[in-house]
Amino acid sequence: MEDFKPILSDCIAGNQKAQAKLYQLFAPKMFGVCLCYARDRMEAEDNLQEGFIKVFNNLKSFRHDGSLEGWIRRIMINVSLEKFRKQHLLYPVEDVSMYDSVNYSDDVIAKISADDLLKLIQELPPRYQLVFNLYVIEGMSHQEIASAMSITQGTSKSNLSRAREILKKKVHENFSELDAKNNCTA
């Protein structure tokens, strides 16, 4: 495990080269985190920049008792949560009842690329996307999600369920389109 104390001390002292080095070390992975919570690459880039500003402003509070990467990741997620709360993204969701009784094979997901799956997740209504990512990717409990998003646990569970159903439908639709195209060209 790499010792980041010297570079962190330099960053706290305002050394721009040290800050650039810290950014270069963690930005690629943190961009992936931001991309999970953003509607598009531009929003992810904004969240990354805002997140690193918070990282540099709060480095003094890093206690070195956990991983630096985990601490930075948490900041990136919190930036996304803050943006969500500020924008009050409570867009009405299309009639979700059309997703209620749809059953698809889970092996369909194995046939779609990670980039395509990420794009489908980004197409979810914002609240569903956020709950899905916090639960599935971050491993947060519904209680933690409810607290972070100022919703009830029941709402968190409902949003996760609906997000999964919407994703299953979208994956199936996209896979069927790809499969049909492949059959036409064969």
C-alpha atoms as a PDB file:
ATOM      1  CA  MET A   1       0.000   0.000   0.000  1.00  0.00           C
ATOM      2  CA  GLU A   2       1.380   3.324  -1.078  1.00  0.00           C
ATOM      3  CA  ASP A   3       2.125   5.973   1.556  1.00  0.00           C
ATOM      4  CA  PHE A   4       0.461   9.187   0.456  1.00  0.00           C
ATOM      5  CA  LYS A   5       1.416  11.267   3.518  1.00  0.00           C
ATOM      6  CA  PRO A   6       4.245  13.205   1.782  1.00  0.00           C
ATOM      7  CA  ILE A   7       2.127  14.126  -1.252  1.00  0.00           C
ATOM      8  CA  LEU A   8      -0.835  15.002   0.987  1.00  0.00           C
ATOM      9  CA  SER A   9       1.351  17.283   3.107  1.00  0.00           C
ATOM     10  CA  ASP A  10       2.542  19.037  -0.035  1.00  0.00           C
ATOM     11  CA  CYS A  11      -1.046  19.353  -1.301  1.00  0.00           C
ATOM     12  CA  ILE A  12      -2.172  20.862   1.999  1.00  0.00           C
ATOM     13  CA  ALA A  13       0.726  23.328   1.755  1.00  0.00           C
ATOM     14  CA  GLY A  14      -0.652  24.442  -1.622  1.00  0.00           C
ATOM     15  CA  ASN A  15       2.002  22.800  -3.811  1.00  0.00           C
ATOM     16  CA  GLN A  16       0.381  22.736  -7.263  1.00  0.00           C
ATOM     17  CA  LYS A  17       2.680  19.983  -8.578  1.00  0.00           C
ATOM     18  CA  ALA A  18       1.639  17.729  -5.693  1.00  0.00           C
ATOM     19  CA  GLN A  19      -2.015  18.546  -6.332  1.00  0.00           C
ATOM     20  CA  ALA A  20      -1.583  17.729 -10.018  1.00  0.00           C
ATOM     21  CA  LYS A  21       0.086  14.434  -9.104  1.00  0.00           C
ATOM     22  CA  LEU A  22      -2.719  13.476  -6.712  1.00  0.00           C
ATOM     23  CA  TYR A  23      -5.261  14.380  -9.378  1.00  0.00           C
ATOM     24  CA  GLN A  24      -3.449  12.273 -11.994  1.00  0.00           C
ATOM     25  CA  LEU A  25      -3.268   9.313  -9.615  1.00  0.00           C
ATOM     26  CA  PHE A  26      -6.975   9.231  -8.823  1.00  0.00           C
ATOM     27  CA  ALA A  27      -8.847  11.098 -11.580  1.00  0.00           C
ATOM     28  CA  PRO A  28      -9.236   8.175 -14.011  1.00  0.00           C
ATOM     29  CA  LYS A  29     -10.843   5.892 -11.442  1.00  0.00           C
ATOM     30  CA  MET A  30     -12.904   8.689  -9.900  1.00  0.00           C
ATOM     31  CA  PHE A  31     -14.159   9.695 -13.337  1.00  0.00           C
ATOM     32  CA  GLY A  32     -15.606   6.186 -13.591  1.00  0.00           C
ATOM     33  CA  VAL A  33     -17.347   6.717 -10.257  1.00  0.00           C
ATOM     34  CA  CYS A  34     -18.713  10.082 -11.384  1.00  0.00           C
ATOM     35  CA  LEU A  35     -19.876   8.590 -14.669  1.00  0.00           C
ATOM     36  CA  CYS A  36     -22.023   6.089 -12.764  1.00  0.00           C
ATOM     37  CA  TYR A  37     -23.959   8.922 -11.140  1.00  0.00           C
ATOM     38  CA  ALA A  38     -24.153  11.371 -14.028  1.00  0.00           C
ATOM     39  CA  ARG A  39     -26.541  11.737 -16.940  1.00  0.00           C
ATOM     40  CA  ASP A  40     -23.653  12.115 -19.378  1.00  0.00           C
ATOM     41  CA  ARG A  41     -19.891  12.597 -19.660  1.00  0.00           C
ATOM     42  CA  MET A  42     -20.119  16.380 -19.314  1.00  0.00           C
ATOM     43  CA  GLU A  43     -21.938  16.111 -15.987  1.00  0.00           C
ATOM     44  CA  ALA A  44     -19.435  13.455 -14.853  1.00  0.00           C
ATOM     45  CA  GLU A  45     -16.555  15.796 -15.708  1.00  0.00           C
ATOM     46  CA  ASP A  46     -18.228  18.603 -13.733  1.00  0.00           C
ATOM     47  CA  ASN A  47     -18.702  16.292 -10.744  1.00  0.00           C
ATOM     48  CA  LEU A  48     -15.081  15.161 -10.966  1.00  0.00           C
ATOM     49  CA  GLN A  49     -13.801  18.743 -10.937  1.00  0.00           C
ATOM     50  CA  GLU A  50     -16.122  19.770  -8.127  1.00  0.00           C
ATOM     51  CA  GLY A  51     -15.153  16.632  -6.225  1.00  0.00           C
ATOM     52  CA  PHE A  52     -11.429  17.337  -6.476  1.00  0.00           C
ATOM     53  CA  ILE A  53     -11.970  20.900  -5.302  1.00  0.00           C
ATOM     54  CA  LYS A  54     -13.605  19.414  -2.198  1.00  0.00           C
ATOM     55  CA  VAL A  55     -10.789  16.880  -1.860  1.00  0.00           C
ATOM     56  CA  PHE A  56      -8.147  19.628  -1.861  1.00  0.00           C
ATOM     57  CA  ASN A  57     -10.176  21.849   0.471  1.00  0.00           C
ATOM     58  CA  ASN A  58     -10.702  19.024   2.957  1.00  0.00           C
ATOM     59  CA  LEU A  59      -7.376  17.174   2.883  1.00  0.00           C
ATOM     60  CA  LYS A  60      -6.618  18.377   6.403  1.00  0.00           C
ATOM     61  CA  SER A  61      -9.570  16.321   7.641  1.00  0.00           C
ATOM     62  CA  PHE A  62      -8.292  13.041   6.136  1.00  0.00           C
ATOM     63  CA  ARG A  63      -7.274  10.973   9.184  1.00  0.00           C
ATOM     64  CA  HIS A  64      -5.209   8.265   7.436  1.00  0.00           C
ATOM     65  CA  ASP A  65      -7.189   5.524   9.191  1.00  0.00           C
ATOM     66  CA  GLY A  66      -8.821   4.315   5.974  1.00  0.00           C
ATOM     67  CA  SER A  67      -7.819   4.258   2.346  1.00  0.00           C
ATOM     68  CA  LEU A  68      -7.277   7.563   0.595  1.00  0.00           C
ATOM     69  CA  GLU A  69      -9.019   6.170  -2.479  1.00  0.00           C
ATOM     70  CA  GLY A  70     -12.106   5.279  -0.436  1.00  0.00           C
ATOM     71  CA  TRP A  71     -12.167   8.738   1.116  1.00  0.00           C
ATOM     72  CA  ILE A  72     -11.916  10.424  -2.298  1.00  0.00           C
ATOM     73  CA  ARG A  73     -14.580   8.075  -3.717  1.00  0.00           C
ATOM     74  CA  ARG A  74     -16.953   9.018  -0.900  1.00  0.00           C
ATOM     75  CA  ILE A  75     -16.458  12.701  -1.736  1.00  0.00           C
ATOM     76  CA  MET A  76     -17.248  12.042  -5.425  1.00  0.00           C
ATOM     77  CA  ILE A  77     -20.456  10.221  -4.465  1.00  0.00           C
ATOM     78  CA  ASN A  78     -21.434  12.998  -2.057  1.00  0.00           C
ATOM     79  CA  VAL A  79     -20.920  15.594  -4.798  1.00  0.00           C
ATOM     80  CA  SER A  80     -23.338  13.600  -6.967  1.00  0.00           C
ATOM     81  CA  LEU A  81     -25.857  13.372  -4.122  1.00  0.00           C
ATOM     82  CA  GLU A  82     -25.586  17.108  -3.455  1.00  0.00           C
ATOM     83  CA  LYS A  83     -26.159  17.901  -7.126  1.00  0.00           C
ATOM     84  CA  PHE A  84     -29.181  15.605  -7.129  1.00  0.00           C
ATOM     85  CA  ARG A  85     -30.674  17.337  -4.081  1.00  0.00           C
ATOM     86  CA  LYS A  86     -29.962  20.831  -5.456  1.00  0.00           C
ATOM     87  CA  GLN A  87     -31.576  20.118  -8.789  1.00  0.00           C
ATOM     88  CA  HIS A  88     -34.617  18.436  -7.206  1.00  0.00           C
ATOM     89  CA  LEU A  89     -34.673  15.999 -10.062  1.00  0.00           C
ATOM     90  CA  LEU A  90     -38.114  14.600  -9.431  1.00  0.00           C
ATOM     91  CA  TYR A  91     -39.178  14.162 -13.010  1.00  0.00           C
ATOM     92  CA  PRO A  92     -42.306  12.114 -13.423  1.00  0.00           C
ATOM     93  CA  VAL A  93     -41.582   8.595 -14.546  1.00  0.00           C
ATOM     94  CA  GLU A  94     -43.438   7.151 -17.476  1.00  0.00           C
ATOM     95  CA  ASP A  95     -46.078   4.566 -16.623  1.00  0.00           C
ATOM     96  CA  VAL A  96     -44.015   2.045 -14.662  1.00  0.00           C
ATOM     97  CA  SER A  97     -46.834  -0.484 -14.689  1.00  0.00           C
ATOM     98  CA  MET A  98     -45.657  -1.540 -18.137  1.00  0.00           C
ATOM     99  CA  TYR A  99     -42.519  -2.925 -16.466  1.00  0.00           C
ATOM    100  CA  ASP A 100     -44.348  -4.798 -13.702  1.00  0.00           C
ATOM    101  CA  SER A 101     -44.933  -8.201 -15.246  1.00  0.00           C
ATOM    102  CA  VAL A 102     -42.022  -8.428 -17.650  1.00  0.00           C
ATOM    103  CA  ASN A 103     -39.727 -11.409 -17.096  1.00  0.00           C
ATOM    104  CA  TYR A 104     -36.416 -11.641 -18.898  1.00  0.00           C
ATOM    105  CA  SER A 105     -33.567 -14.044 -18.616  1.00  0.00           C
ATOM    106  CA  ASP A 106     -30.639 -12.722 -16.582  1.00  0.00           C
ATOM    107  CA  ASP A 107     -28.190 -14.155 -19.133  1.00  0.00           C
ATOM    108  CA  VAL A 108     -29.150 -11.296 -21.463  1.00  0.00           C
ATOM    109  CA  ILE A 109     -26.965  -8.992 -19.345  1.00  0.00           C
ATOM    110  CA  ALA A 110     -23.968 -11.225 -20.046  1.00  0.00           C
ATOM    111  CA  LYS A 111     -24.341 -10.412 -23.743  1.00  0.00           C
ATOM    112  CA  ILE A 112     -24.176  -6.631 -23.439  1.00  0.00           C
ATOM    113  CA  SER A 113     -20.987  -4.607 -23.005  1.00  0.00           C
ATOM    114  CA  ALA A 114     -20.207  -2.683 -19.831  1.00  0.00           C
ATOM    115  CA  ASP A 115     -20.295   0.613 -21.762  1.00  0.00           C
ATOM    116  CA  ASP A 116     -23.732  -0.202 -23.165  1.00  0.00           C
ATOM    117  CA  LEU A 117     -24.977  -1.160 -19.713  1.00  0.00           C
ATOM    118  CA  LEU A 118     -23.622   2.100 -18.266  1.00  0.00           C
ATOM    119  CA  LYS A 119     -25.469   4.050 -20.979  1.00  0.00           C
ATOM    120  CA  LEU A 120     -28.697   2.233 -20.088  1.00  0.00           C
ATOM    121  CA  ILE A 121     -28.197   3.029 -16.398  1.00  0.00           C
ATOM    122  CA  GLN A 122     -27.681   6.692 -17.327  1.00  0.00           C
ATOM    123  CA  GLU A 123     -31.039   6.629 -19.149  1.00  0.00           C
ATOM    124  CA  LEU A 124     -32.881   5.738 -15.944  1.00  0.00           C
ATOM    125  CA  PRO A 125     -34.908   8.496 -14.316  1.00  0.00           C
ATOM    126  CA  PRO A 126     -32.441  10.348 -12.043  1.00  0.00           C
ATOM    127  CA  ARG A 127     -33.856   9.111  -8.721  1.00  0.00           C
ATOM    128  CA  TYR A 128     -33.872   5.496  -9.914  1.00  0.00           C
ATOM    129  CA  GLN A 129     -30.341   5.835 -11.268  1.00  0.00           C
ATOM    130  CA  LEU A 130     -29.074   7.213  -7.980  1.00  0.00           C
ATOM    131  CA  VAL A 131     -30.742   4.541  -5.822  1.00  0.00           C
ATOM    132  CA  PHE A 132     -29.593   1.794  -8.201  1.00  0.00           C
ATOM    133  CA  ASN A 133     -25.966   2.952  -8.103  1.00  0.00           C
ATOM    134  CA  LEU A 134     -25.889   3.499  -4.345  1.00  0.00           C
ATOM    135  CA  TYR A 135     -27.348   0.048  -3.685  1.00  0.00           C
ATOM    136  CA  VAL A 136     -25.746  -2.062  -6.405  1.00  0.00           C
ATOM    137  CA  ILE A 137     -22.393  -0.369  -6.931  1.00  0.00           C
ATOM    138  CA  GLU A 138     -21.680   1.225  -3.543  1.00  0.00           C
ATOM    139  CA  GLY A 139     -23.313  -1.511  -1.465  1.00  0.00           C
ATOM    140  CA  MET A 140     -25.263   0.935   0.678  1.00  0.00           C
ATOM    141  CA  SER A 141     -28.271  -0.345   2.616  1.00  0.00           C
ATOM    142  CA  HIS A 142     -31.751   1.017   1.992  1.00  0.00           C
ATOM    143  CA  GLN A 143     -31.531   2.709   5.393  1.00  0.00           C
ATOM    144  CA  GLU A 144     -28.308   4.490   4.358  1.00  0.00           C
ATOM    145  CA  ILE A 145     -29.781   5.457   0.989  1.00  0.00           C
ATOM    146  CA  ALA A 146     -32.947   6.758   2.630  1.00  0.00           C
ATOM    147  CA  SER A 147     -30.885   8.899   4.980  1.00  0.00           C
ATOM    148  CA  ALA A 148     -28.583  10.223   2.241  1.00  0.00           C
ATOM    149  CA  MET A 149     -31.442  11.068  -0.122  1.00  0.00           C
ATOM    150  CA  SER A 150     -34.023  12.169   2.462  1.00  0.00           C
ATOM    151  CA  ILE A 151     -36.516   9.494   1.406  1.00  0.00           C
ATOM    152  CA  THR A 152     -38.068   6.516   3.208  1.00  0.00           C
ATOM    153  CA  GLN A 153     -36.605   3.030   3.119  1.00  0.00           C
ATOM    154  CA  GLY A 154     -39.744   1.864   1.333  1.00  0.00           C
ATOM    155  CA  THR A 155     -39.217   4.478  -1.364  1.00  0.00           C
ATOM    156  CA  SER A 156     -35.610   3.342  -1.739  1.00  0.00           C
ATOM    157  CA  LYS A 157     -36.699  -0.281  -2.145  1.00  0.00           C
ATOM    158  CA  SER A 158     -39.429   0.679  -4.588  1.00  0.00           C
ATOM    159  CA  ASN A 159     -37.071   2.840  -6.656  1.00  0.00           C
ATOM    160  CA  LEU A 160     -34.508   0.016  -6.796  1.00  0.00           C
ATOM    161  CA  SER A 161     -37.124  -2.483  -7.902  1.00  0.00           C
ATOM    162  CA  ARG A 162     -38.431  -0.177 -10.604  1.00  0.00           C
ATOM    163  CA  ALA A 163     -34.902   0.647 -11.771  1.00  0.00           C
ATOM    164  CA  ARG A 164     -34.133  -3.047 -12.139  1.00  0.00           C
ATOM    165  CA  GLU A 165     -37.306  -3.683 -14.107  1.00  0.00           C
ATOM    166  CA  ILE A 166     -36.663  -0.732 -16.415  1.00  0.00           C
ATOM    167  CA  LEU A 167     -33.082  -1.901 -16.967  1.00  0.00           C
ATOM    168  CA  LYS A 168     -34.194  -5.451 -17.714  1.00  0.00           C
ATOM    169  CA  LYS A 169     -36.642  -4.148 -20.284  1.00  0.00           C
ATOM    170  CA  LYS A 170     -34.076  -1.819 -21.873  1.00  0.00           C
ATOM    171  CA  VAL A 171     -31.421  -4.551 -21.958  1.00  0.00           C
ATOM    172  CA  HIS A 172     -33.887  -6.958 -23.542  1.00  0.00           C
ATOM    173  CA  GLU A 173     -34.973  -4.381 -26.130  1.00  0.00           C
ATOM    174  CA  ASN A 174     -31.389  -3.526 -27.042  1.00  0.00           C
ATOM    175  CA  PHE A 175     -30.307  -7.157 -27.101  1.00  0.00           C
ATOM    176  CA  SER A 176     -33.273  -8.078 -29.291  1.00  0.00           C
ATOM    177  CA  GLU A 177     -32.369  -5.280 -31.705  1.00  0.00           C
ATOM    178  CA  LEU A 178     -28.743  -6.456 -31.843  1.00  0.00           C
ATOM    179  CA  ASP A 179     -29.820 -10.062 -32.239  1.00  0.00           C
ATOM    180  CA  ALA A 180     -32.221  -9.142 -35.048  1.00  0.00           C
ATOM    181  CA  LYS A 181     -29.481  -7.164 -36.825  1.00  0.00           C
ATOM    182  CA  ASN A 182     -27.063 -10.077 -36.485  1.00  0.00           C
ATOM    183  CA  ASN A 183     -29.645 -12.488 -37.902  1.00  0.00           C
ATOM    184  CA  CYS A 184     -30.258 -10.166 -40.870  1.00  0.00           C
ATOM    185  CA  THR A 185     -26.580  -9.916 -41.719  1.00  0.00           C
ATOM    186  CA  ALA A 186     -25.849 -13.610 -41.295  1.00  0.00           C
END
